[in-house]
């Protein structure tokens, strides 16, 4: 169990546990283990043969997928230079894993991304005062100008499966809905989706988690599982990972 939780923790970033009261660590560990089990079931039952890993950071989600028994194609997107370099080195050992230095969004072009002191907080959005007070590492260290593309415009060049059945995972620190709206032309291929929901915002101008869920419902997805990945001092939820399947 300890090894599994370490993999899950790595896939989500160290911040999952670091501010959680000690008496809640085990229940959260159980939640994360349940998430891993359901993810494995969704991959199998939905017949997923392509995973699009948006906001790949250092490759933790790829590790979780491989640990869950998934052997199919993984396409990872990571715009930040240092994180991309780490991914590119790692991907050389996995022939079914390709990595691309690219951000995904609604509008193609170039944009400045806020690289945080702790890179897992990097976002196109600005951290708010609560975020900086709670997680000192969310403060902006520098900006990088990065390329941005719509997923539905690059999908055909990157996916090499004849009949793709896609799990779209987005972990982009408040940018997930932008990614999903930019995938409009290929959403018919998406059989499952994992998105990050901010219950207590840690970025300026982030979309309400209820609005994200409503929009995903309009697009034909329904939640299969909500997994907490952080709490505040009052034990209220900060963020959720939401695994969704087709309605």
C-alpha atoms as a PDB file:
ATOM      1  CA  UNK A   1       0.000   0.000   0.000  1.00  0.00           C
ATOM      2  CA  UNK A   2       2.824   2.411   0.819  1.00  0.00           C
ATOM      3  CA  UNK A   3       4.380   2.009  -2.644  1.00  0.00           C
ATOM      4  CA  UNK A   4       1.022   2.546  -4.343  1.00  0.00           C
ATOM      5  CA  UNK A   5       0.363   5.705  -2.336  1.00  0.00           C
ATOM      6  CA  UNK A   6       3.815   7.005  -3.179  1.00  0.00           C
ATOM      7  CA  UNK A   7       3.044   6.575  -6.892  1.00  0.00           C
ATOM      8  CA  UNK A   8      -0.312   8.279  -6.504  1.00  0.00           C
ATOM      9  CA  UNK A   9       1.279  11.111  -4.543  1.00  0.00           C
ATOM     10  CA  UNK A  10       3.936  11.581  -7.210  1.00  0.00           C
ATOM     11  CA  UNK A  11       1.278  11.642  -9.927  1.00  0.00           C
ATOM     12  CA  UNK A  12      -0.554  14.502  -8.194  1.00  0.00           C
ATOM     13  CA  UNK A  13       2.435  16.450  -6.834  1.00  0.00           C
ATOM     14  CA  UNK A  14       3.803  16.671  -3.275  1.00  0.00           C
ATOM     15  CA  UNK A  15       1.236  19.251  -2.269  1.00  0.00           C
ATOM     16  CA  UNK A  16      -1.426  16.539  -1.961  1.00  0.00           C
ATOM     17  CA  UNK A  17      -0.372  15.643   1.583  1.00  0.00           C
ATOM     18  CA  UNK A  18       1.905  18.269   2.913  1.00  0.00           C
ATOM     19  CA  UNK A  19      -0.763  20.463   4.584  1.00  0.00           C
ATOM     20  CA  UNK A  20      -3.208  17.702   5.528  1.00  0.00           C
ATOM     21  CA  UNK A  21      -3.669  17.049   9.271  1.00  0.00           C
ATOM     22  CA  UNK A  22      -2.015  13.826  10.346  1.00  0.00           C
ATOM     23  CA  UNK A  23      -5.308  12.213  11.344  1.00  0.00           C
ATOM     24  CA  UNK A  24      -6.632  12.686   7.792  1.00  0.00           C
ATOM     25  CA  UNK A  25      -3.631  11.243   5.982  1.00  0.00           C
ATOM     26  CA  UNK A  26      -4.913   7.657   6.014  1.00  0.00           C
ATOM     27  CA  UNK A  27      -8.466   8.492   4.777  1.00  0.00           C
ATOM     28  CA  UNK A  28      -6.962  10.531   1.940  1.00  0.00           C
ATOM     29  CA  UNK A  29      -4.653   7.636   1.172  1.00  0.00           C
ATOM     30  CA  UNK A  30      -7.674   5.356   0.917  1.00  0.00           C
ATOM     31  CA  UNK A  31      -9.333   7.853  -1.457  1.00  0.00           C
ATOM     32  CA  UNK A  32      -6.283   7.930  -3.693  1.00  0.00           C
ATOM     33  CA  UNK A  33      -6.067   4.145  -3.743  1.00  0.00           C
ATOM     34  CA  UNK A  34      -9.762   3.986  -4.692  1.00  0.00           C
ATOM     35  CA  UNK A  35      -9.097   6.483  -7.483  1.00  0.00           C
ATOM     36  CA  UNK A  36      -6.335   4.268  -8.858  1.00  0.00           C
ATOM     37  CA  UNK A  37      -8.613   1.230  -8.787  1.00  0.00           C
ATOM     38  CA  UNK A  38     -11.467   3.010 -10.572  1.00  0.00           C
ATOM     39  CA  UNK A  39      -9.096   4.489 -13.145  1.00  0.00           C
ATOM     40  CA  UNK A  40      -7.910   0.978 -13.954  1.00  0.00           C
ATOM     41  CA  UNK A  41     -11.519  -0.171 -14.347  1.00  0.00           C
ATOM     42  CA  UNK A  42     -12.437   2.776 -16.596  1.00  0.00           C
ATOM     43  CA  UNK A  43      -9.412   2.188 -18.817  1.00  0.00           C
ATOM     44  CA  UNK A  44     -10.474  -1.422 -19.300  1.00  0.00           C
ATOM     45  CA  UNK A  45     -14.242  -1.036 -19.556  1.00  0.00           C
ATOM     46  CA  UNK A  46     -14.125   1.949 -21.922  1.00  0.00           C
ATOM     47  CA  UNK A  47     -11.511   0.265 -24.092  1.00  0.00           C
ATOM     48  CA  UNK A  48      -9.137   3.228 -23.872  1.00  0.00           C
ATOM     49  CA  UNK A  49      -6.308   2.978 -26.406  1.00  0.00           C
ATOM     50  CA  UNK A  50      -4.987   6.565 -26.263  1.00  0.00           C
ATOM     51  CA  UNK A  51      -4.385   8.779 -23.228  1.00  0.00           C
ATOM     52  CA  UNK A  52      -3.879  12.496 -23.779  1.00  0.00           C
ATOM     53  CA  UNK A  53      -1.977  13.785 -20.753  1.00  0.00           C
ATOM     54  CA  UNK A  54      -2.359  17.576 -20.705  1.00  0.00           C
ATOM     55  CA  UNK A  55      -0.207  19.325 -18.118  1.00  0.00           C
ATOM     56  CA  UNK A  56       2.151  16.384 -17.779  1.00  0.00           C
ATOM     57  CA  UNK A  57       4.660  18.120 -15.473  1.00  0.00           C
ATOM     58  CA  UNK A  58       7.330  15.471 -14.792  1.00  0.00           C
ATOM     59  CA  UNK A  59       5.385  12.409 -15.967  1.00  0.00           C
ATOM     60  CA  UNK A  60       3.635  11.281 -12.804  1.00  0.00           C
ATOM     61  CA  UNK A  61       0.375  10.471 -14.585  1.00  0.00           C
ATOM     62  CA  UNK A  62       2.210   8.301 -17.099  1.00  0.00           C
ATOM     63  CA  UNK A  63       3.687   6.374 -14.157  1.00  0.00           C
ATOM     64  CA  UNK A  64       0.235   5.915 -12.654  1.00  0.00           C
ATOM     65  CA  UNK A  65      -1.128   4.641 -15.973  1.00  0.00           C
ATOM     66  CA  UNK A  66       1.667   2.120 -16.421  1.00  0.00           C
ATOM     67  CA  UNK A  67       1.308   0.989 -12.800  1.00  0.00           C
ATOM     68  CA  UNK A  68      -2.412   0.487 -13.511  1.00  0.00           C
ATOM     69  CA  UNK A  69      -1.593  -1.921 -16.336  1.00  0.00           C
ATOM     70  CA  UNK A  70      -2.247   0.433 -19.252  1.00  0.00           C
ATOM     71  CA  UNK A  71       0.211  -0.319 -22.080  1.00  0.00           C
ATOM     72  CA  UNK A  72      -1.281   1.814 -24.886  1.00  0.00           C
ATOM     73  CA  UNK A  73      -0.295   5.127 -26.437  1.00  0.00           C
ATOM     74  CA  UNK A  74       0.259   8.124 -24.153  1.00  0.00           C
ATOM     75  CA  UNK A  75       0.625  11.610 -25.623  1.00  0.00           C
ATOM     76  CA  UNK A  76       1.861  14.137 -23.065  1.00  0.00           C
ATOM     77  CA  UNK A  77       1.774  17.918 -23.354  1.00  0.00           C
ATOM     78  CA  UNK A  78       3.989  20.132 -21.201  1.00  0.00           C
ATOM     79  CA  UNK A  79       4.868  23.714 -22.197  1.00  0.00           C
ATOM     80  CA  UNK A  80       7.418  24.670 -19.518  1.00  0.00           C
ATOM     81  CA  UNK A  81      10.993  24.166 -20.698  1.00  0.00           C
ATOM     82  CA  UNK A  82      12.481  22.507 -17.598  1.00  0.00           C
ATOM     83  CA  UNK A  83       9.580  20.099 -17.104  1.00  0.00           C
ATOM     84  CA  UNK A  84       9.504  19.269 -20.806  1.00  0.00           C
ATOM     85  CA  UNK A  85      13.231  18.484 -20.798  1.00  0.00           C
ATOM     86  CA  UNK A  86      12.730  16.018 -17.937  1.00  0.00           C
ATOM     87  CA  UNK A  87       9.817  14.406 -19.789  1.00  0.00           C
ATOM     88  CA  UNK A  88      11.745  14.143 -23.040  1.00  0.00           C
ATOM     89  CA  UNK A  89      14.578  12.298 -21.317  1.00  0.00           C
ATOM     90  CA  UNK A  90      12.204   9.881 -19.604  1.00  0.00           C
ATOM     91  CA  UNK A  91      10.117   9.203 -22.715  1.00  0.00           C
ATOM     92  CA  UNK A  92      13.130   7.740 -24.518  1.00  0.00           C
ATOM     93  CA  UNK A  93      12.654   4.569 -22.458  1.00  0.00           C
ATOM     94  CA  UNK A  94       8.953   4.127 -23.367  1.00  0.00           C
ATOM     95  CA  UNK A  95       8.233   3.713 -27.112  1.00  0.00           C
ATOM     96  CA  UNK A  96       4.468   4.167 -26.611  1.00  0.00           C
ATOM     97  CA  UNK A  97       4.923   7.547 -24.918  1.00  0.00           C
ATOM     98  CA  UNK A  98       5.418  10.772 -26.873  1.00  0.00           C
ATOM     99  CA  UNK A  99       5.939  14.197 -25.318  1.00  0.00           C
ATOM    100  CA  UNK A 100       5.379  17.633 -26.819  1.00  0.00           C
ATOM    101  CA  UNK A 101       6.423  21.081 -25.631  1.00  0.00           C
ATOM    102  CA  UNK A 102       3.016  22.594 -26.153  1.00  0.00           C
ATOM    103  CA  UNK A 103       0.159  24.101 -24.163  1.00  0.00           C
ATOM    104  CA  UNK A 104      -3.415  23.401 -25.201  1.00  0.00           C
ATOM    105  CA  UNK A 105      -6.248  25.908 -25.088  1.00  0.00           C
ATOM    106  CA  UNK A 106      -9.194  27.479 -26.849  1.00  0.00           C
ATOM    107  CA  UNK A 107      -7.191  30.032 -28.870  1.00  0.00           C
ATOM    108  CA  UNK A 108      -4.021  29.006 -30.766  1.00  0.00           C
ATOM    109  CA  UNK A 109      -0.989  31.259 -30.694  1.00  0.00           C
ATOM    110  CA  UNK A 110       1.563  32.125 -28.038  1.00  0.00           C
ATOM    111  CA  UNK A 111       1.002  33.083 -24.405  1.00  0.00           C
ATOM    112  CA  UNK A 112       2.971  33.796 -21.246  1.00  0.00           C
ATOM    113  CA  UNK A 113       2.752  31.161 -18.542  1.00  0.00           C
ATOM    114  CA  UNK A 114       3.526  31.898 -14.882  1.00  0.00           C
ATOM    115  CA  UNK A 115       6.237  29.487 -13.753  1.00  0.00           C
ATOM    116  CA  UNK A 116       5.861  29.040 -10.006  1.00  0.00           C
ATOM    117  CA  UNK A 117       8.594  28.571  -7.419  1.00  0.00           C
ATOM    118  CA  UNK A 118       7.277  25.023  -7.071  1.00  0.00           C
ATOM    119  CA  UNK A 119       6.666  23.964 -10.649  1.00  0.00           C
ATOM    120  CA  UNK A 120       3.497  21.956  -9.966  1.00  0.00           C
ATOM    121  CA  UNK A 121       1.713  25.302  -9.319  1.00  0.00           C
ATOM    122  CA  UNK A 122       2.625  26.718 -12.747  1.00  0.00           C
ATOM    123  CA  UNK A 123      -0.398  28.231 -14.511  1.00  0.00           C
ATOM    124  CA  UNK A 124      -1.555  30.705 -17.121  1.00  0.00           C
ATOM    125  CA  UNK A 125      -3.504  32.271 -14.235  1.00  0.00           C
ATOM    126  CA  UNK A 126      -2.092  34.381 -11.403  1.00  0.00           C
ATOM    127  CA  UNK A 127      -2.019  32.831  -7.905  1.00  0.00           C
ATOM    128  CA  UNK A 128      -4.337  34.632  -5.501  1.00  0.00           C
ATOM    129  CA  UNK A 129      -3.459  35.894  -2.008  1.00  0.00           C
ATOM    130  CA  UNK A 130      -4.827  32.771  -0.295  1.00  0.00           C
ATOM    131  CA  UNK A 131      -2.686  30.577  -2.531  1.00  0.00           C
ATOM    132  CA  UNK A 132       0.540  32.439  -1.815  1.00  0.00           C
ATOM    133  CA  UNK A 133      -0.177  32.491   1.917  1.00  0.00           C
ATOM    134  CA  UNK A 134      -1.092  28.807   2.011  1.00  0.00           C
ATOM    135  CA  UNK A 135       1.448  27.491  -0.483  1.00  0.00           C
ATOM    136  CA  UNK A 136       4.470  29.759  -0.639  1.00  0.00           C
ATOM    137  CA  UNK A 137       5.662  27.799  -3.643  1.00  0.00           C
ATOM    138  CA  UNK A 138       2.752  29.005  -5.772  1.00  0.00           C
ATOM    139  CA  UNK A 139       4.285  32.490  -6.059  1.00  0.00           C
ATOM    140  CA  UNK A 140       5.427  33.328  -9.579  1.00  0.00           C
ATOM    141  CA  UNK A 141       9.161  32.906 -10.133  1.00  0.00           C
ATOM    142  CA  UNK A 142       9.274  33.910 -13.807  1.00  0.00           C
ATOM    143  CA  UNK A 143       7.274  33.849 -17.019  1.00  0.00           C
ATOM    144  CA  UNK A 144       7.874  31.835 -20.173  1.00  0.00           C
ATOM    145  CA  UNK A 145       6.314  32.479 -23.544  1.00  0.00           C
ATOM    146  CA  UNK A 146       4.974  29.174 -24.834  1.00  0.00           C
ATOM    147  CA  UNK A 147       3.130  27.896 -27.909  1.00  0.00           C
ATOM    148  CA  UNK A 148      -0.596  27.193 -27.515  1.00  0.00           C
ATOM    149  CA  UNK A 149      -2.648  24.980 -29.842  1.00  0.00           C
ATOM    150  CA  UNK A 150      -6.186  23.686 -30.029  1.00  0.00           C
ATOM    151  CA  UNK A 151      -6.305  19.959 -29.399  1.00  0.00           C
ATOM    152  CA  UNK A 152      -8.670  19.409 -32.307  1.00  0.00           C
ATOM    153  CA  UNK A 153      -6.098  20.988 -34.654  1.00  0.00           C
ATOM    154  CA  UNK A 154      -3.144  18.783 -33.619  1.00  0.00           C
ATOM    155  CA  UNK A 155      -4.981  15.566 -32.744  1.00  0.00           C
ATOM    156  CA  UNK A 156      -4.647  13.942 -36.172  1.00  0.00           C
ATOM    157  CA  UNK A 157      -0.891  14.503 -36.305  1.00  0.00           C
ATOM    158  CA  UNK A 158      -0.194  13.072 -32.856  1.00  0.00           C
ATOM    159  CA  UNK A 159      -2.575  10.138 -32.412  1.00  0.00           C
ATOM    160  CA  UNK A 160      -1.557   7.059 -34.385  1.00  0.00           C
ATOM    161  CA  UNK A 161      -4.483   4.770 -33.513  1.00  0.00           C
ATOM    162  CA  UNK A 162      -6.964   4.019 -36.304  1.00  0.00           C
ATOM    163  CA  UNK A 163     -10.068   4.059 -34.081  1.00  0.00           C
ATOM    164  CA  UNK A 164      -9.053   6.156 -31.065  1.00  0.00           C
ATOM    165  CA  UNK A 165     -10.856   5.708 -27.774  1.00  0.00           C
ATOM    166  CA  UNK A 166      -9.409   8.503 -25.715  1.00  0.00           C
ATOM    167  CA  UNK A 167      -8.994   9.287 -22.041  1.00  0.00           C
ATOM    168  CA  UNK A 168      -8.376  13.037 -21.875  1.00  0.00           C
ATOM    169  CA  UNK A 169      -6.634  14.046 -18.639  1.00  0.00           C
ATOM    170  CA  UNK A 170      -6.173  17.726 -17.858  1.00  0.00           C
ATOM    171  CA  UNK A 171      -4.222  19.057 -14.882  1.00  0.00           C
ATOM    172  CA  UNK A 172      -3.474  22.643 -15.818  1.00  0.00           C
ATOM    173  CA  UNK A 173      -4.055  24.687 -12.659  1.00  0.00           C
ATOM    174  CA  UNK A 174      -7.281  26.462 -13.522  1.00  0.00           C
ATOM    175  CA  UNK A 175      -6.994  26.141 -17.313  1.00  0.00           C
ATOM    176  CA  UNK A 176      -8.789  22.808 -17.815  1.00  0.00           C
ATOM    177  CA  UNK A 177     -11.965  24.192 -19.372  1.00  0.00           C
ATOM    178  CA  UNK A 178      -9.879  26.101 -21.930  1.00  0.00           C
ATOM    179  CA  UNK A 179      -8.250  22.810 -22.931  1.00  0.00           C
ATOM    180  CA  UNK A 180     -11.602  21.049 -23.223  1.00  0.00           C
ATOM    181  CA  UNK A 181     -13.210  23.810 -25.287  1.00  0.00           C
ATOM    182  CA  UNK A 182     -10.231  23.605 -27.646  1.00  0.00           C
ATOM    183  CA  UNK A 183     -10.948  19.896 -28.122  1.00  0.00           C
ATOM    184  CA  UNK A 184     -14.483  20.435 -29.458  1.00  0.00           C
ATOM    185  CA  UNK A 185     -13.785  18.884 -32.852  1.00  0.00           C
ATOM    186  CA  UNK A 186     -12.449  15.604 -31.443  1.00  0.00           C
ATOM    187  CA  UNK A 187     -14.556  15.135 -28.303  1.00  0.00           C
ATOM    188  CA  UNK A 188     -16.472  12.351 -30.046  1.00  0.00           C
ATOM    189  CA  UNK A 189     -13.308  10.253 -29.627  1.00  0.00           C
ATOM    190  CA  UNK A 190     -13.141  10.938 -25.873  1.00  0.00           C
ATOM    191  CA  UNK A 191     -14.712   8.104 -23.878  1.00  0.00           C
ATOM    192  CA  UNK A 192     -13.458   9.241 -20.455  1.00  0.00           C
ATOM    193  CA  UNK A 193     -12.088  12.441 -19.004  1.00  0.00           C
ATOM    194  CA  UNK A 194     -10.201  13.473 -15.892  1.00  0.00           C
ATOM    195  CA  UNK A 195     -10.208  17.132 -14.856  1.00  0.00           C
ATOM    196  CA  UNK A 196      -9.100  19.165 -11.868  1.00  0.00           C
ATOM    197  CA  UNK A 197     -11.831  21.089 -10.034  1.00  0.00           C
ATOM    198  CA  UNK A 198     -10.989  24.038  -7.802  1.00  0.00           C
ATOM    199  CA  UNK A 199     -13.473  24.155  -4.901  1.00  0.00           C
ATOM    200  CA  UNK A 200     -11.650  26.958  -3.107  1.00  0.00           C
ATOM    201  CA  UNK A 201      -9.858  28.920  -5.832  1.00  0.00           C
ATOM    202  CA  UNK A 202      -6.112  29.404  -5.566  1.00  0.00           C
ATOM    203  CA  UNK A 203      -5.840  31.358  -8.839  1.00  0.00           C
ATOM    204  CA  UNK A 204      -7.352  34.645  -9.941  1.00  0.00           C
ATOM    205  CA  UNK A 205     -10.231  34.370 -12.431  1.00  0.00           C
ATOM    206  CA  UNK A 206     -10.464  30.581 -12.214  1.00  0.00           C
ATOM    207  CA  UNK A 207     -13.733  28.947 -13.252  1.00  0.00           C
ATOM    208  CA  UNK A 208     -16.069  27.697 -10.518  1.00  0.00           C
ATOM    209  CA  UNK A 209     -15.941  23.942 -10.063  1.00  0.00           C
ATOM    210  CA  UNK A 210     -19.732  23.824 -10.386  1.00  0.00           C
ATOM    211  CA  UNK A 211     -19.562  25.671 -13.706  1.00  0.00           C
ATOM    212  CA  UNK A 212     -16.940  23.213 -14.959  1.00  0.00           C
ATOM    213  CA  UNK A 213     -19.120  20.249 -13.983  1.00  0.00           C
ATOM    214  CA  UNK A 214     -22.146  21.847 -15.632  1.00  0.00           C
ATOM    215  CA  UNK A 215     -20.231  22.395 -18.862  1.00  0.00           C
ATOM    216  CA  UNK A 216     -18.877  18.859 -18.874  1.00  0.00           C
ATOM    217  CA  UNK A 217     -22.430  17.609 -18.424  1.00  0.00           C
ATOM    218  CA  UNK A 218     -23.507  19.652 -21.435  1.00  0.00           C
ATOM    219  CA  UNK A 219     -20.723  17.993 -23.417  1.00  0.00           C
ATOM    220  CA  UNK A 220     -21.999  14.533 -22.531  1.00  0.00           C
ATOM    221  CA  UNK A 221     -19.925  13.483 -19.518  1.00  0.00           C
ATOM    222  CA  UNK A 222     -20.995  12.493 -16.012  1.00  0.00           C
ATOM    223  CA  UNK A 223     -18.840  12.051 -12.905  1.00  0.00           C
ATOM    224  CA  UNK A 224     -17.688   8.572 -11.982  1.00  0.00           C
ATOM    225  CA  UNK A 225     -15.590   9.679  -9.009  1.00  0.00           C
ATOM    226  CA  UNK A 226     -14.523  12.785  -7.110  1.00  0.00           C
ATOM    227  CA  UNK A 227     -11.225  12.510  -5.229  1.00  0.00           C
ATOM    228  CA  UNK A 228     -10.049  15.150  -2.761  1.00  0.00           C
ATOM    229  CA  UNK A 229      -6.478  16.326  -3.268  1.00  0.00           C
ATOM    230  CA  UNK A 230      -6.219  19.047  -0.635  1.00  0.00           C
ATOM    231  CA  UNK A 231      -8.008  20.678   2.301  1.00  0.00           C
ATOM    232  CA  UNK A 232      -7.813  24.017   4.086  1.00  0.00           C
ATOM    233  CA  UNK A 233      -7.436  24.595   7.832  1.00  0.00           C
ATOM    234  CA  UNK A 234     -11.189  24.216   8.342  1.00  0.00           C
ATOM    235  CA  UNK A 235     -10.943  20.843   6.534  1.00  0.00           C
ATOM    236  CA  UNK A 236     -12.920  22.232   3.618  1.00  0.00           C
ATOM    237  CA  UNK A 237     -11.974  20.945   0.196  1.00  0.00           C
ATOM    238  CA  UNK A 238      -9.473  22.879  -1.889  1.00  0.00           C
ATOM    239  CA  UNK A 239      -9.387  20.772  -5.039  1.00  0.00           C
ATOM    240  CA  UNK A 240     -10.922  17.644  -6.481  1.00  0.00           C
ATOM    241  CA  UNK A 241      -9.844  15.300  -9.210  1.00  0.00           C
ATOM    242  CA  UNK A 242     -12.944  14.382 -11.187  1.00  0.00           C
ATOM    243  CA  UNK A 243     -12.998  11.220 -13.280  1.00  0.00           C
ATOM    244  CA  UNK A 244     -15.858  11.288 -15.791  1.00  0.00           C
ATOM    245  CA  UNK A 245     -17.360   8.836 -18.249  1.00  0.00           C
ATOM    246  CA  UNK A 246     -19.722   9.243 -21.162  1.00  0.00           C
ATOM    247  CA  UNK A 247     -23.381   9.759 -20.220  1.00  0.00           C
END
